[in-house]
PDB file of N, CA and C in Angstrom:
ATOM      1  N   MET A   1     106.035  -3.006  15.852  1.00  0.00           N
ATOM      2  CA  MET A   1     106.192  -3.878  14.714  1.00  0.00           C
ATOM      3  C   MET A   1     107.613  -3.742  14.190  1.00  0.00           C
ATOM      4  N   VAL A   2     108.270  -4.842  13.929  1.00  0.00           N
ATOM      5  CA  VAL A   2     109.638  -4.854  13.419  1.00  0.00           C
ATOM      6  C   VAL A   2     109.662  -5.605  12.103  1.00  0.00           C
ATOM      7  N   ALA A   3     110.297  -5.024  11.073  1.00  0.00           N
ATOM      8  CA  ALA A   3     110.445  -5.698   9.790  1.00  0.00           C
ATOM      9  C   ALA A   3     111.549  -6.736   9.926  1.00  0.00           C
ATOM     10  N   VAL A   4     111.247  -7.991   9.634  1.00  0.00           N
ATOM     11  CA  VAL A   4     112.202  -9.071   9.833  1.00  0.00           C
ATOM     12  C   VAL A   4     113.005  -9.372   8.574  1.00  0.00           C
ATOM     13  N   ASN A   5     112.376  -9.422   7.442  1.00  0.00           N
ATOM     14  CA  ASN A   5     113.047  -9.832   6.202  1.00  0.00           C
ATOM     15  C   ASN A   5     113.380  -8.637   5.324  1.00  0.00           C
ATOM     16  N   SER A   6     113.794  -7.555   5.923  1.00  0.00           N
ATOM     17  CA  SER A   6     114.116  -6.374   5.140  1.00  0.00           C
ATOM     18  C   SER A   6     115.625  -6.189   5.069  1.00  0.00           C
ATOM     19  N   PHE A   7     116.032  -5.288   4.193  1.00  0.00           N
ATOM     20  CA  PHE A   7     117.443  -4.965   4.043  1.00  0.00           C
ATOM     21  C   PHE A   7     118.006  -4.407   5.351  1.00  0.00           C
ATOM     22  N   ARG A   8     117.214  -3.626   6.053  1.00  0.00           N
ATOM     23  CA  ARG A   8     117.635  -2.990   7.287  1.00  0.00           C
ATOM     24  C   ARG A   8     116.521  -3.137   8.310  1.00  0.00           C
ATOM     25  N   LYS A   9     116.898  -3.410   9.561  1.00  0.00           N
ATOM     26  CA  LYS A   9     115.908  -3.521  10.624  1.00  0.00           C
ATOM     27  C   LYS A   9     115.314  -2.146  10.908  1.00  0.00           C
ATOM     28  N   PHE A  10     114.000  -2.061  10.938  1.00  0.00           N
ATOM     29  CA  PHE A  10     113.339  -0.821  11.295  1.00  0.00           C
ATOM     30  C   PHE A  10     112.059  -1.130  12.055  1.00  0.00           C
ATOM     31  N   GLN A  11     111.563  -0.135  12.757  1.00  0.00           N
ATOM     32  CA  GLN A  11     110.326  -0.274  13.484  1.00  0.00           C
ATOM     33  C   GLN A  11     109.398   0.857  13.100  1.00  0.00           C
ATOM     34  N   ARG A  12     108.147   0.534  12.841  1.00  0.00           N
ATOM     35  CA  ARG A  12     107.126   1.557  12.599  1.00  0.00           C
ATOM     36  C   ARG A  12     106.575   1.937  13.963  1.00  0.00           C
ATOM     37  N   MET A  13     106.739   3.179  14.333  1.00  0.00           N
ATOM     38  CA  MET A  13     106.261   3.681  15.612  1.00  0.00           C
ATOM     39  C   MET A  13     104.936   4.408  15.382  1.00  0.00           C
ATOM     40  N   HIS A  14     104.274   4.768  16.465  1.00  0.00           N
ATOM     41  CA  HIS A  14     102.999   5.470  16.356  1.00  0.00           C
ATOM     42  C   HIS A  14     103.124   6.742  15.517  1.00  0.00           C
ATOM     43  N   SER A  15     104.221   7.479  15.702  1.00  0.00           N
ATOM     44  CA  SER A  15     104.365   8.773  15.029  1.00  0.00           C
ATOM     45  C   SER A  15     105.468   8.809  13.977  1.00  0.00           C
ATOM     46  N   GLY A  16     106.034   7.669  13.615  1.00  0.00           N
ATOM     47  CA  GLY A  16     107.102   7.699  12.633  1.00  0.00           C
ATOM     48  C   GLY A  16     107.788   6.361  12.458  1.00  0.00           C
ATOM     49  N   VAL A  17     109.071   6.429  12.128  1.00  0.00           N
ATOM     50  CA  VAL A  17     109.864   5.243  11.836  1.00  0.00           C
ATOM     51  C   VAL A  17     111.197   5.314  12.573  1.00  0.00           C
ATOM     52  N   MET A  18     111.618   4.199  13.186  1.00  0.00           N
ATOM     53  CA  MET A  18     112.927   4.089  13.814  1.00  0.00           C
ATOM     54  C   MET A  18     113.756   3.128  12.961  1.00  0.00           C
ATOM     55  N   ILE A  19     114.870   3.619  12.422  1.00  0.00           N
ATOM     56  CA  ILE A  19     115.730   2.825  11.556  1.00  0.00           C
ATOM     57  C   ILE A  19     117.000   2.483  12.328  1.00  0.00           C
ATOM     58  N   HIS A  20     117.269   1.204  12.500  1.00  0.00           N
ATOM     59  CA  HIS A  20     118.450   0.767  13.244  1.00  0.00           C
ATOM     60  C   HIS A  20     119.698   0.940  12.385  1.00  0.00           C
ATOM     61  N   LEU A  21     120.765   1.415  13.019  1.00  0.00           N
ATOM     62  CA  LEU A  21     122.027   1.683  12.323  1.00  0.00           C
ATOM     63  C   LEU A  21     123.133   0.771  12.820  1.00  0.00           C
ATOM     64  N   ARG A  22     124.094   0.519  11.960  1.00  0.00           N
ATOM     65  CA  ARG A  22     125.331  -0.121  12.399  1.00  0.00           C
ATOM     66  C   ARG A  22     126.244   0.991  12.930  1.00  0.00           C
ATOM     67  N   PHE A  23     127.185   0.617  13.768  1.00  0.00           N
ATOM     68  CA  PHE A  23     128.109   1.594  14.362  1.00  0.00           C
ATOM     69  C   PHE A  23     128.808   2.417  13.277  1.00  0.00           C
ATOM     70  N   ASP A  24     129.193   1.779  12.169  1.00  0.00           N
ATOM     71  CA  ASP A  24     129.913   2.491  11.109  1.00  0.00           C
ATOM     72  C   ASP A  24     129.005   3.437  10.314  1.00  0.00           C
ATOM     73  N   GLU A  25     127.693   3.410  10.563  1.00  0.00           N
ATOM     74  CA  GLU A  25     126.766   4.311   9.878  1.00  0.00           C
ATOM     75  C   GLU A  25     126.463   5.572  10.698  1.00  0.00           C
ATOM     76  N   TRP A  26     127.084   5.711  11.854  1.00  0.00           N
ATOM     77  CA  TRP A  26     126.872   6.901  12.676  1.00  0.00           C
ATOM     78  C   TRP A  26     127.241   8.124  11.845  1.00  0.00           C
ATOM     79  N   PRO A  27     126.424   9.192  11.858  1.00  0.00           N
ATOM     80  CA  PRO A  27     126.670  10.347  10.993  1.00  0.00           C
ATOM     81  C   PRO A  27     128.014  11.027  11.254  1.00  0.00           C
ATOM     82  N   GLY A  28     128.692  11.393  10.191  1.00  0.00           N
ATOM     83  CA  GLY A  28     130.001  12.016  10.296  1.00  0.00           C
ATOM     84  C   GLY A  28     129.987  13.397  10.923  1.00  0.00           C
ATOM     85  N   ASP A  29     128.830  14.077  10.899  1.00  0.00           N
ATOM     86  CA  ASP A  29     128.783  15.417  11.488  1.00  0.00           C
ATOM     87  C   ASP A  29     128.444  15.387  12.979  1.00  0.00           C
ATOM     88  N   VAL A  30     128.371  14.207  13.567  1.00  0.00           N
ATOM     89  CA  VAL A  30     128.237  14.035  15.017  1.00  0.00           C
ATOM     90  C   VAL A  30     129.406  13.142  15.429  1.00  0.00           C
ATOM     91  N   SER A  31     130.531  13.767  15.644  1.00  0.00           N
ATOM     92  CA  SER A  31     131.784  13.049  15.862  1.00  0.00           C
ATOM     93  C   SER A  31     131.764  12.158  17.094  1.00  0.00           C
ATOM     94  N   LEU A  32     132.552  11.096  17.030  1.00  0.00           N
ATOM     95  CA  LEU A  32     132.798  10.221  18.173  1.00  0.00           C
ATOM     96  C   LEU A  32     134.317  10.124  18.369  1.00  0.00           C
ATOM     97  N   PRO A  33     134.792  10.198  19.615  1.00  0.00           N
ATOM     98  CA  PRO A  33     136.233  10.071  19.851  1.00  0.00           C
ATOM     99  C   PRO A  33     136.752   8.701  19.394  1.00  0.00           C
ATOM    100  N   ALA A  34     138.019   8.661  19.031  1.00  0.00           N
ATOM    101  CA  ALA A  34     138.646   7.390  18.663  1.00  0.00           C
ATOM    102  C   ALA A  34     138.490   6.397  19.811  1.00  0.00           C
ATOM    103  N   GLU A  35     138.346   5.139  19.492  1.00  0.00           N
ATOM    104  CA  GLU A  35     138.208   4.039  20.449  1.00  0.00           C
ATOM    105  C   GLU A  35     136.866   4.038  21.186  1.00  0.00           C
ATOM    106  N   THR A  36     135.881   4.782  20.683  1.00  0.00           N
ATOM    107  CA  THR A  36     134.532   4.744  21.247  1.00  0.00           C
ATOM    108  C   THR A  36     133.899   3.407  20.874  1.00  0.00           C
ATOM    109  N   THR A  37     133.160   2.826  21.811  1.00  0.00           N
ATOM    110  CA  THR A  37     132.454   1.566  21.548  1.00  0.00           C
ATOM    111  C   THR A  37     130.977   1.726  21.872  1.00  0.00           C
ATOM    112  N   VAL A  38     130.170   0.843  21.319  1.00  0.00           N
ATOM    113  CA  VAL A  38     128.736   0.839  21.596  1.00  0.00           C
ATOM    114  C   VAL A  38     128.521   0.241  22.982  1.00  0.00           C
ATOM    115  N   ALA A  39     127.690   0.902  23.782  1.00  0.00           N
ATOM    116  CA  ALA A  39     127.382   0.398  25.123  1.00  0.00           C
ATOM    117  C   ALA A  39     126.582  -0.893  25.014  1.00  0.00           C
ATOM    118  N   LYS A  40     126.765  -1.792  25.974  1.00  0.00           N
ATOM    119  CA  LYS A  40     126.001  -3.039  25.968  1.00  0.00           C
ATOM    120  C   LYS A  40     125.803  -3.557  27.378  1.00  0.00           C
ATOM    121  N   THR A  41     124.824  -4.421  27.507  1.00  0.00           N
ATOM    122  CA  THR A  41     124.541  -5.090  28.767  1.00  0.00           C
ATOM    123  C   THR A  41     124.601  -6.591  28.506  1.00  0.00           C
ATOM    124  N   GLY A  42     124.168  -7.386  29.462  1.00  0.00           N
ATOM    125  CA  GLY A  42     124.141  -8.829  29.267  1.00  0.00           C
ATOM    126  C   GLY A  42     123.227  -9.260  28.136  1.00  0.00           C
ATOM    127  N   GLU A  43     122.286  -8.395  27.767  1.00  0.00           N
ATOM    128  CA  GLU A  43     121.363  -8.702  26.677  1.00  0.00           C
ATOM    129  C   GLU A  43     121.903  -8.291  25.321  1.00  0.00           C
ATOM    130  N   GLY A  44     123.051  -7.658  25.286  1.00  0.00           N
ATOM    131  CA  GLY A  44     123.653  -7.273  24.016  1.00  0.00           C
ATOM    132  C   GLY A  44     123.869  -5.781  23.897  1.00  0.00           C
ATOM    133  N   PRO A  45     124.339  -5.353  22.716  1.00  0.00           N
ATOM    134  CA  PRO A  45     124.657  -3.936  22.505  1.00  0.00           C
ATOM    135  C   PRO A  45     123.397  -3.089  22.292  1.00  0.00           C
ATOM    136  N   PHE A  46     123.525  -1.796  22.595  1.00  0.00           N
ATOM    137  CA  PHE A  46     122.485  -0.810  22.300  1.00  0.00           C
ATOM    138  C   PHE A  46     122.839  -0.176  20.952  1.00  0.00           C
ATOM    139  N   HIS A  47     122.318  -0.721  19.888  1.00  0.00           N
ATOM    140  CA  HIS A  47     122.647  -0.208  18.559  1.00  0.00           C
ATOM    141  C   HIS A  47     122.070   1.189  18.362  1.00  0.00           C
ATOM    142  N   PRO A  48     122.826   2.064  17.693  1.00  0.00           N
ATOM    143  CA  PRO A  48     122.303   3.395  17.404  1.00  0.00           C
ATOM    144  C   PRO A  48     121.115   3.299  16.439  1.00  0.00           C
ATOM    145  N   TYR A  49     120.311   4.341  16.437  1.00  0.00           N
ATOM    146  CA  TYR A  49     119.191   4.366  15.500  1.00  0.00           C
ATOM    147  C   TYR A  49     118.893   5.783  15.033  1.00  0.00           C
ATOM    148  N   TRP A  50     118.213   5.845  13.909  1.00  0.00           N
ATOM    149  CA  TRP A  50     117.785   7.079  13.281  1.00  0.00           C
ATOM    150  C   TRP A  50     116.283   7.139  13.476  1.00  0.00           C
ATOM    151  N   ASP A  51     115.795   8.188  14.105  1.00  0.00           N
ATOM    152  CA  ASP A  51     114.384   8.319  14.431  1.00  0.00           C
ATOM    153  C   ASP A  51     113.774   9.408  13.557  1.00  0.00           C
ATOM    154  N   LEU A  52     112.761   9.052  12.773  1.00  0.00           N
ATOM    155  CA  LEU A  52     112.041  10.005  11.934  1.00  0.00           C
ATOM    156  C   LEU A  52     110.631  10.133  12.489  1.00  0.00           C
ATOM    157  N   ILE A  53     110.316  11.299  13.030  1.00  0.00           N
ATOM    158  CA  ILE A  53     108.985  11.552  13.574  1.00  0.00           C
ATOM    159  C   ILE A  53     108.216  12.334  12.521  1.00  0.00           C
ATOM    160  N   LEU A  54     107.116  11.765  12.079  1.00  0.00           N
ATOM    161  CA  LEU A  54     106.349  12.332  10.977  1.00  0.00           C
ATOM    162  C   LEU A  54     105.155  13.126  11.514  1.00  0.00           C
ATOM    163  N   LYS A  55     105.262  14.448  11.436  1.00  0.00           N
ATOM    164  CA  LYS A  55     104.185  15.355  11.832  1.00  0.00           C
ATOM    165  C   LYS A  55     103.438  15.787  10.571  1.00  0.00           C
ATOM    166  N   SER A  56     102.258  16.341  10.737  1.00  0.00           N
ATOM    167  CA  SER A  56     101.485  16.763   9.562  1.00  0.00           C
ATOM    168  C   SER A  56     102.155  17.901   8.810  1.00  0.00           C
ATOM    169  N   ASP A  57     102.928  18.745   9.500  1.00  0.00           N
ATOM    170  CA  ASP A  57     103.554  19.893   8.843  1.00  0.00           C
ATOM    171  C   ASP A  57     105.077  19.828   8.761  1.00  0.00           C
ATOM    172  N   ARG A  58     105.695  18.781   9.327  1.00  0.00           N
ATOM    173  CA  ARG A  58     107.159  18.681   9.293  1.00  0.00           C
ATOM    174  C   ARG A  58     107.609  17.271   9.676  1.00  0.00           C
ATOM    175  N   THR A  59     108.862  16.987   9.392  1.00  0.00           N
ATOM    176  CA  THR A  59     109.495  15.739   9.812  1.00  0.00           C
ATOM    177  C   THR A  59     110.621  16.100  10.773  1.00  0.00           C
ATOM    178  N   ILE A  60     110.645  15.443  11.925  1.00  0.00           N
ATOM    179  CA  ILE A  60     111.687  15.687  12.923  1.00  0.00           C
ATOM    180  C   ILE A  60     112.642  14.506  12.883  1.00  0.00           C
ATOM    181  N   GLU A  61     113.916  14.793  12.749  1.00  0.00           N
ATOM    182  CA  GLU A  61     114.941  13.762  12.607  1.00  0.00           C
ATOM    183  C   GLU A  61     115.884  13.811  13.807  1.00  0.00           C
ATOM    184  N   SER A  62     116.173  12.651  14.383  1.00  0.00           N
ATOM    185  CA  SER A  62     117.191  12.583  15.430  1.00  0.00           C
ATOM    186  C   SER A  62     117.974  11.288  15.271  1.00  0.00           C
ATOM    187  N   VAL A  63     119.221  11.319  15.726  1.00  0.00           N
ATOM    188  CA  VAL A  63     120.056  10.134  15.714  1.00  0.00           C
ATOM    189  C   VAL A  63     120.437   9.869  17.167  1.00  0.00           C
ATOM    190  N   VAL A  64     120.232   8.629  17.607  1.00  0.00           N
ATOM    191  CA  VAL A  64     120.404   8.289  19.013  1.00  0.00           C
ATOM    192  C   VAL A  64     121.384   7.131  19.145  1.00  0.00           C
ATOM    193  N   GLY A  65     122.278   7.221  20.119  1.00  0.00           N
ATOM    194  CA  GLY A  65     123.206   6.128  20.385  1.00  0.00           C
ATOM    195  C   GLY A  65     123.696   6.184  21.814  1.00  0.00           C
ATOM    196  N   TRP A  66     124.075   5.033  22.342  1.00  0.00           N
ATOM    197  CA  TRP A  66     124.641   4.923  23.681  1.00  0.00           C
ATOM    198  C   TRP A  66     126.046   4.377  23.507  1.00  0.00           C
ATOM    199  N   PHE A  67     127.034   5.150  23.968  1.00  0.00           N
ATOM    200  CA  PHE A  67     128.429   4.807  23.725  1.00  0.00           C
ATOM    201  C   PHE A  67     129.254   4.826  25.000  1.00  0.00           C
ATOM    202  N   ILE A  68     130.365   4.113  24.947  1.00  0.00           N
ATOM    203  CA  ILE A  68     131.368   4.155  26.009  1.00  0.00           C
ATOM    204  C   ILE A  68     132.569   4.903  25.434  1.00  0.00           C
ATOM    205  N   PHE A  69     132.895   6.028  26.070  1.00  0.00           N
ATOM    206  CA  PHE A  69     133.980   6.878  25.608  1.00  0.00           C
ATOM    207  C   PHE A  69     135.270   6.544  26.335  1.00  0.00           C
ATOM    208  N   PRO A  70     136.404   6.711  25.669  1.00  0.00           N
ATOM    209  CA  PRO A  70     137.699   6.525  26.319  1.00  0.00           C
ATOM    210  C   PRO A  70     138.160   7.800  27.030  1.00  0.00           C
ATOM    211  N   LEU A  71     137.221   8.714  27.347  1.00  0.00           N
ATOM    212  CA  LEU A  71     137.552  10.003  27.949  1.00  0.00           C
ATOM    213  C   LEU A  71     136.764  10.208  29.237  1.00  0.00           C
ATOM    214  N   SER A  72     137.306  11.019  30.131  1.00  0.00           N
ATOM    215  CA  SER A  72     136.550  11.423  31.319  1.00  0.00           C
ATOM    216  C   SER A  72     135.443  12.369  30.860  1.00  0.00           C
ATOM    217  N   LEU A  73     134.485  12.654  31.733  1.00  0.00           N
ATOM    218  CA  LEU A  73     133.394  13.548  31.368  1.00  0.00           C
ATOM    219  C   LEU A  73     133.912  14.927  30.993  1.00  0.00           C
ATOM    220  N   ASP A  74     134.812  15.485  31.779  1.00  0.00           N
ATOM    221  CA  ASP A  74     135.362  16.811  31.472  1.00  0.00           C
ATOM    222  C   ASP A  74     136.107  16.808  30.133  1.00  0.00           C
ATOM    223  N   ALA A  75     136.883  15.763  29.885  1.00  0.00           N
ATOM    224  CA  ALA A  75     137.616  15.664  28.616  1.00  0.00           C
ATOM    225  C   ALA A  75     136.646  15.486  27.447  1.00  0.00           C
ATOM    226  N   ALA A  76     135.571  14.724  27.655  1.00  0.00           N
ATOM    227  CA  ALA A  76     134.566  14.517  26.597  1.00  0.00           C
ATOM    228  C   ALA A  76     133.871  15.832  26.252  1.00  0.00           C
ATOM    229  N   ILE A  77     133.525  16.629  27.257  1.00  0.00           N
ATOM    230  CA  ILE A  77     132.883  17.923  27.009  1.00  0.00           C
ATOM    231  C   ILE A  77     133.820  18.831  26.226  1.00  0.00           C
ATOM    232  N   ALA A  78     135.074  18.913  26.630  1.00  0.00           N
ATOM    233  CA  ALA A  78     136.057  19.743  25.914  1.00  0.00           C
ATOM    234  C   ALA A  78     136.254  19.235  24.488  1.00  0.00           C
ATOM    235  N   TRP A  79     136.326  17.926  24.317  1.00  0.00           N
ATOM    236  CA  TRP A  79     136.506  17.332  22.989  1.00  0.00           C
ATOM    237  C   TRP A  79     135.324  17.696  22.094  1.00  0.00           C
ATOM    238  N   TYR A  80     134.096  17.548  22.615  1.00  0.00           N
ATOM    239  CA  TYR A  80     132.908  17.880  21.830  1.00  0.00           C
ATOM    240  C   TYR A  80     132.827  19.356  21.488  1.00  0.00           C
ATOM    241  N   GLN A  81     133.192  20.227  22.409  1.00  0.00           N
ATOM    242  CA  GLN A  81     133.162  21.654  22.108  1.00  0.00           C
ATOM    243  C   GLN A  81     134.095  21.978  20.949  1.00  0.00           C
ATOM    244  N   SER A  82     135.213  21.301  20.873  1.00  0.00           N
ATOM    245  CA  SER A  82     136.166  21.522  19.786  1.00  0.00           C
ATOM    246  C   SER A  82     135.723  20.838  18.494  1.00  0.00           C
ATOM    247  N   GLU A  83     135.419  19.547  18.565  1.00  0.00           N
ATOM    248  CA  GLU A  83     135.123  18.762  17.360  1.00  0.00           C
ATOM    249  C   GLU A  83     133.796  19.123  16.698  1.00  0.00           C
ATOM    250  N   MET A  84     132.771  19.409  17.486  1.00  0.00           N
ATOM    251  CA  MET A  84     131.479  19.748  16.895  1.00  0.00           C
ATOM    252  C   MET A  84     131.561  21.082  16.149  1.00  0.00           C
ATOM    253  N   ALA A  85     132.366  22.029  16.664  1.00  0.00           N
ATOM    254  CA  ALA A  85     132.554  23.307  15.977  1.00  0.00           C
ATOM    255  C   ALA A  85     133.196  23.078  14.606  1.00  0.00           C
ATOM    256  N   LYS A  86     134.122  22.125  14.519  1.00  0.00           N
ATOM    257  CA  LYS A  86     134.765  21.808  13.241  1.00  0.00           C
ATOM    258  C   LYS A  86     133.760  21.258  12.226  1.00  0.00           C
ATOM    259  N   CYS A  87     132.681  20.656  12.712  1.00  0.00           N
ATOM    260  CA  CYS A  87     131.653  20.077  11.836  1.00  0.00           C
ATOM    261  C   CYS A  87     130.530  21.070  11.535  1.00  0.00           C
ATOM    262  N   GLY A  88     130.690  22.321  11.992  1.00  0.00           N
ATOM    263  CA  GLY A  88     129.702  23.348  11.686  1.00  0.00           C
ATOM    264  C   GLY A  88     128.625  23.544  12.740  1.00  0.00           C
ATOM    265  N   TRP A  89     128.717  22.851  13.856  1.00  0.00           N
ATOM    266  CA  TRP A  89     127.745  23.024  14.929  1.00  0.00           C
ATOM    267  C   TRP A  89     128.080  24.306  15.687  1.00  0.00           C
ATOM    268  N   ILE A  90     127.058  24.934  16.274  1.00  0.00           N
ATOM    269  CA  ILE A  90     127.291  26.129  17.086  1.00  0.00           C
ATOM    270  C   ILE A  90     126.950  25.825  18.537  1.00  0.00           C
ATOM    271  N   GLU A  91     127.637  26.489  19.435  1.00  0.00           N
ATOM    272  CA  GLU A  91     127.415  26.278  20.857  1.00  0.00           C
ATOM    273  C   GLU A  91     126.246  27.134  21.319  1.00  0.00           C
ATOM    274  N   LEU A  92     125.336  26.542  22.067  1.00  0.00           N
ATOM    275  CA  LEU A  92     124.198  27.279  22.595  1.00  0.00           C
ATOM    276  C   LEU A  92     124.656  28.196  23.718  1.00  0.00           C
ATOM    277  N   THR A  93     124.009  29.340  23.826  1.00  0.00           N
ATOM    278  CA  THR A  93     124.418  30.291  24.861  1.00  0.00           C
ATOM    279  C   THR A  93     123.709  30.038  26.178  1.00  0.00           C
ATOM    280  N   GLU A  94     122.531  29.433  26.152  1.00  0.00           N
ATOM    281  CA  GLU A  94     121.826  29.150  27.395  1.00  0.00           C
ATOM    282  C   GLU A  94     122.425  27.899  28.025  1.00  0.00           C
ATOM    283  N   LYS A  95     123.012  28.034  29.193  1.00  0.00           N
ATOM    284  CA  LYS A  95     123.773  26.963  29.849  1.00  0.00           C
ATOM    285  C   LYS A  95     122.950  25.689  30.023  1.00  0.00           C
ATOM    286  N   ARG A  96     121.694  25.803  30.455  1.00  0.00           N
ATOM    287  CA  ARG A  96     120.870  24.620  30.695  1.00  0.00           C
ATOM    288  C   ARG A  96     120.743  23.795  29.416  1.00  0.00           C
ATOM    289  N   LEU A  97     120.452  24.429  28.305  1.00  0.00           N
ATOM    290  CA  LEU A  97     120.322  23.713  27.045  1.00  0.00           C
ATOM    291  C   LEU A  97     121.669  23.193  26.555  1.00  0.00           C
ATOM    292  N   GLN A  98     122.722  23.957  26.755  1.00  0.00           N
ATOM    293  CA  GLN A  98     124.052  23.529  26.331  1.00  0.00           C
ATOM    294  C   GLN A  98     124.434  22.228  27.019  1.00  0.00           C
ATOM    295  N   ASN A  99     124.247  22.142  28.327  1.00  0.00           N
ATOM    296  CA  ASN A  99     124.594  20.928  29.050  1.00  0.00           C
ATOM    297  C   ASN A  99     123.741  19.744  28.594  1.00  0.00           C
ATOM    298  N   ALA A 100     122.473  19.979  28.319  1.00  0.00           N
ATOM    299  CA  ALA A 100     121.603  18.894  27.854  1.00  0.00           C
ATOM    300  C   ALA A 100     122.089  18.375  26.501  1.00  0.00           C
ATOM    301  N   CYS A 101     122.485  19.271  25.606  1.00  0.00           N
ATOM    302  CA  CYS A 101     122.945  18.852  24.289  1.00  0.00           C
ATOM    303  C   CYS A 101     124.277  18.119  24.374  1.00  0.00           C
ATOM    304  N   ILE A 102     125.197  18.630  25.176  1.00  0.00           N
ATOM    305  CA  ILE A 102     126.495  17.976  25.303  1.00  0.00           C
ATOM    306  C   ILE A 102     126.344  16.608  25.956  1.00  0.00           C
ATOM    307  N   CYS A 103     125.596  16.542  27.046  1.00  0.00           N
ATOM    308  CA  CYS A 103     125.410  15.260  27.714  1.00  0.00           C
ATOM    309  C   CYS A 103     124.645  14.290  26.836  1.00  0.00           C
ATOM    310  N   GLY A 104     123.656  14.783  26.112  1.00  0.00           N
ATOM    311  CA  GLY A 104     122.905  13.910  25.207  1.00  0.00           C
ATOM    312  C   GLY A 104     123.795  13.344  24.126  1.00  0.00           C
ATOM    313  N   ALA A 105     124.704  14.171  23.610  1.00  0.00           N
ATOM    314  CA  ALA A 105     125.603  13.694  22.575  1.00  0.00           C
ATOM    315  C   ALA A 105     126.666  12.773  23.150  1.00  0.00           C
ATOM    316  N   ALA A 106     127.036  12.994  24.405  1.00  0.00           N
ATOM    317  CA  ALA A 106     128.138  12.238  24.987  1.00  0.00           C
ATOM    318  C   ALA A 106     127.716  10.903  25.579  1.00  0.00           C
ATOM    319  N   LEU A 107     126.427  10.707  25.776  1.00  0.00           N
ATOM    320  CA  LEU A 107     125.987   9.446  26.411  1.00  0.00           C
ATOM    321  C   LEU A 107     126.007   8.292  25.453  1.00  0.00           C
TER     322      LEU A 107
END
């Protein structure tokens, strides 16, 4: 279900709410390199969204976006390791999880 006549486009999901974001609403504590653009196909752009999963004992929040970076993969990983630390994020010590988080943020 999608709200059509609302201030902001959102979808009520089985377990929560997905709120569509404009590119300029991307959270400041999840940095994006300069000249980053929203990924798109012939059907249009993949707009970022804020996902709120409502559990009986907690709310899980995630922000999702698909972007095109002006950096190579190696440069993007190095950039994120530097910039995310400036925003207060910590690097995970388990390599498998670290790569998943970096790639998830970089996609």
